[in-house]
Amino acid sequence: MSEGTIRGRVLLAEDEPDIQRLIELILSKAGLEVDLADDGNAACEMALASQAEGRPYDLILMNMLMPELNGFEATRRLRQSGWKGPIIALTAYAMPDDCDKCLQAGCDDYISKPVDHEDLLAAVARHLG
């Protein structure tokens, strides 16, 4: 996928600064506008505020293991609040039942860490396509 080929607004919920910077760089180079949330509480607040403003995020990338409010609970809260947009789980757990847990929480897709550049962009493009 070449630079600048994907369009949309993405909310990245990730508590690790190095991973935030890496993913933000990959997504920005692909042409996406990226906002950052450091935990699940901030992700829920930002996502729901964007929806209330009539300009919801096109996609949420949700780390499933964050302090304060983890990605599983944040995703459940968003879905219970009526969030319809795609949520892609980001997690270091890569067993098949881990994927199932993410999908059961309300995620639409799953990417394991460490994040592969091409896998990330392919997943994002699938949901923004």
Protein backbone atom coordinates (compact mmCIF):
# COMPACT_ATOMS: atom_id res chain seq x y z
CA MET A 1 0.00 0.00 0.00
CA SER A 2 1.50 3.32 -1.01
CA GLU A 3 1.68 6.43 1.09
CA GLY A 4 -1.39 8.64 1.22
CA THR A 5 -3.77 6.03 -0.20
CA ILE A 6 -6.23 5.66 2.71
CA ARG A 7 -8.50 8.43 3.96
CA GLY A 8 -10.35 8.79 7.24
CA ARG A 9 -10.19 9.70 10.92
CA VAL A 10 -8.80 7.11 13.31
CA LEU A 11 -8.80 7.05 17.08
CA LEU A 12 -5.83 5.11 18.42
CA ALA A 13 -6.31 3.95 22.01
CA GLU A 14 -2.85 2.87 23.19
CA ASP A 15 -1.06 3.44 26.48
CA GLU A 16 2.53 2.74 25.35
CA PRO A 17 4.13 5.92 23.93
CA ASP A 18 6.53 4.06 21.61
CA ILE A 19 3.72 1.99 20.11
CA GLN A 20 1.57 5.13 19.81
CA ARG A 21 4.30 6.89 17.83
CA LEU A 22 4.94 3.90 15.57
CA ILE A 23 1.29 3.29 14.71
CA GLU A 24 0.56 7.00 14.34
CA LEU A 25 3.45 7.32 11.89
CA ILE A 26 2.31 4.32 9.82
CA LEU A 27 -1.28 5.56 9.68
CA SER A 28 -0.37 9.20 8.99
CA LYS A 29 1.92 8.21 6.12
CA ALA A 30 -0.96 6.19 4.67
CA GLY A 31 -3.07 9.36 4.61
CA LEU A 32 -5.13 9.00 7.79
CA GLU A 33 -5.88 11.63 10.42
CA VAL A 34 -4.99 10.11 13.83
CA ASP A 35 -6.05 11.14 17.33
CA LEU A 36 -4.55 9.49 20.41
CA ALA A 37 -6.12 8.24 23.63
CA ASP A 38 -3.91 6.98 26.46
CA ASP A 39 -6.51 4.70 28.05
CA GLY A 40 -9.97 3.23 27.62
CA ASN A 41 -11.72 6.04 29.50
CA ALA A 42 -10.23 8.68 27.21
CA ALA A 43 -11.04 6.55 24.16
CA CYS A 44 -14.70 6.28 25.16
CA GLU A 45 -14.96 10.01 25.89
CA MET A 46 -13.31 11.00 22.61
CA ALA A 47 -15.29 8.54 20.49
CA LEU A 48 -18.64 9.48 21.99
CA ALA A 49 -17.83 13.21 21.76
CA SER A 50 -16.96 12.80 18.06
CA GLN A 51 -20.28 11.06 17.52
CA ALA A 52 -22.21 13.77 19.40
CA GLU A 53 -20.50 16.43 17.25
CA GLY A 54 -21.72 14.64 14.11
CA ARG A 55 -18.18 13.81 13.03
CA PRO A 56 -17.55 10.31 14.40
CA TYR A 57 -14.24 8.56 13.92
CA ASP A 58 -14.17 6.28 10.90
CA LEU A 59 -12.27 3.63 12.87
CA ILE A 60 -11.01 2.92 16.37
CA LEU A 61 -7.83 0.93 17.03
CA MET A 62 -8.18 -0.36 20.59
CA ASN A 63 -5.37 -1.77 22.70
CA MET A 64 -7.07 -4.44 24.78
CA LEU A 65 -4.73 -4.24 27.80
CA MET A 66 -4.60 -0.66 29.10
CA PRO A 67 -4.67 0.71 32.63
CA GLU A 68 -7.73 2.45 34.07
CA LEU A 69 -10.20 0.90 31.63
CA ASN A 70 -9.06 -1.97 29.42
CA GLY A 71 -9.99 -2.29 25.77
CA PHE A 72 -12.50 -5.08 26.38
CA GLU A 73 -14.57 -2.94 28.75
CA ALA A 74 -14.09 0.23 26.67
CA THR A 75 -15.37 -1.59 23.58
CA ARG A 76 -18.37 -2.93 25.50
CA ARG A 77 -19.17 0.58 26.76
CA LEU A 78 -18.94 2.04 23.28
CA ARG A 79 -21.22 -0.62 21.83
CA GLN A 80 -23.72 -0.18 24.69
CA SER A 81 -23.67 3.57 23.99
CA GLY A 82 -24.62 2.95 20.36
CA TRP A 83 -21.20 3.14 18.68
CA LYS A 84 -21.62 1.50 15.27
CA GLY A 85 -18.23 2.19 13.70
CA PRO A 86 -15.49 -0.41 13.30
CA ILE A 87 -13.24 -1.20 16.25
CA ILE A 88 -10.06 -3.17 15.64
CA ALA A 89 -8.45 -4.85 18.65
CA LEU A 90 -4.70 -4.51 19.19
CA THR A 91 -3.26 -7.08 21.56
CA ALA A 92 -0.13 -9.02 22.38
CA TYR A 93 -2.24 -12.11 22.95
CA ALA A 94 -2.26 -14.09 19.72
CA MET A 95 -4.04 -17.34 20.53
CA PRO A 96 -7.25 -18.18 18.62
CA ASP A 97 -9.42 -17.85 21.73
CA ASP A 98 -7.92 -14.39 22.35
CA CYS A 99 -9.30 -13.29 18.99
CA ASP A 100 -12.68 -14.71 19.97
CA LYS A 101 -12.64 -12.74 23.24
CA CYS A 102 -12.00 -9.52 21.32
CA LEU A 103 -14.82 -10.23 18.89
CA GLN A 104 -17.18 -11.15 21.75
CA ALA A 105 -16.39 -7.81 23.43
CA GLY A 106 -17.61 -6.05 20.28
CA CYS A 107 -14.50 -5.64 18.14
CA ASP A 108 -14.83 -6.11 14.39
CA ASP A 109 -11.29 -7.29 13.75
CA TYR A 110 -8.07 -8.23 15.53
CA ILE A 111 -4.39 -7.40 15.03
CA SER A 112 -1.71 -9.01 17.17
CA LYS A 113 1.36 -7.23 18.49
CA PRO A 114 4.03 -6.64 17.55
CA VAL A 115 2.12 -4.83 14.82
CA ASP A 116 3.11 -5.69 11.27
CA HIS A 117 3.02 -2.58 9.06
CA GLU A 118 1.30 -4.29 6.10
CA ASP A 119 -1.18 -6.22 8.28
CA LEU A 120 -2.17 -3.00 10.05
CA LEU A 121 -2.76 -1.08 6.83
CA ALA A 122 -4.61 -4.02 5.24
CA ALA A 123 -6.97 -4.28 8.23
CA VAL A 124 -7.59 -0.54 8.29
CA ALA A 125 -8.22 -0.44 4.54
CA ARG A 126 -10.64 -3.37 4.83
CA HIS A 127 -12.80 -1.42 7.28
CA LEU A 128 -12.51 1.95 5.57
CA GLY A 129 -12.77 0.54 2.05
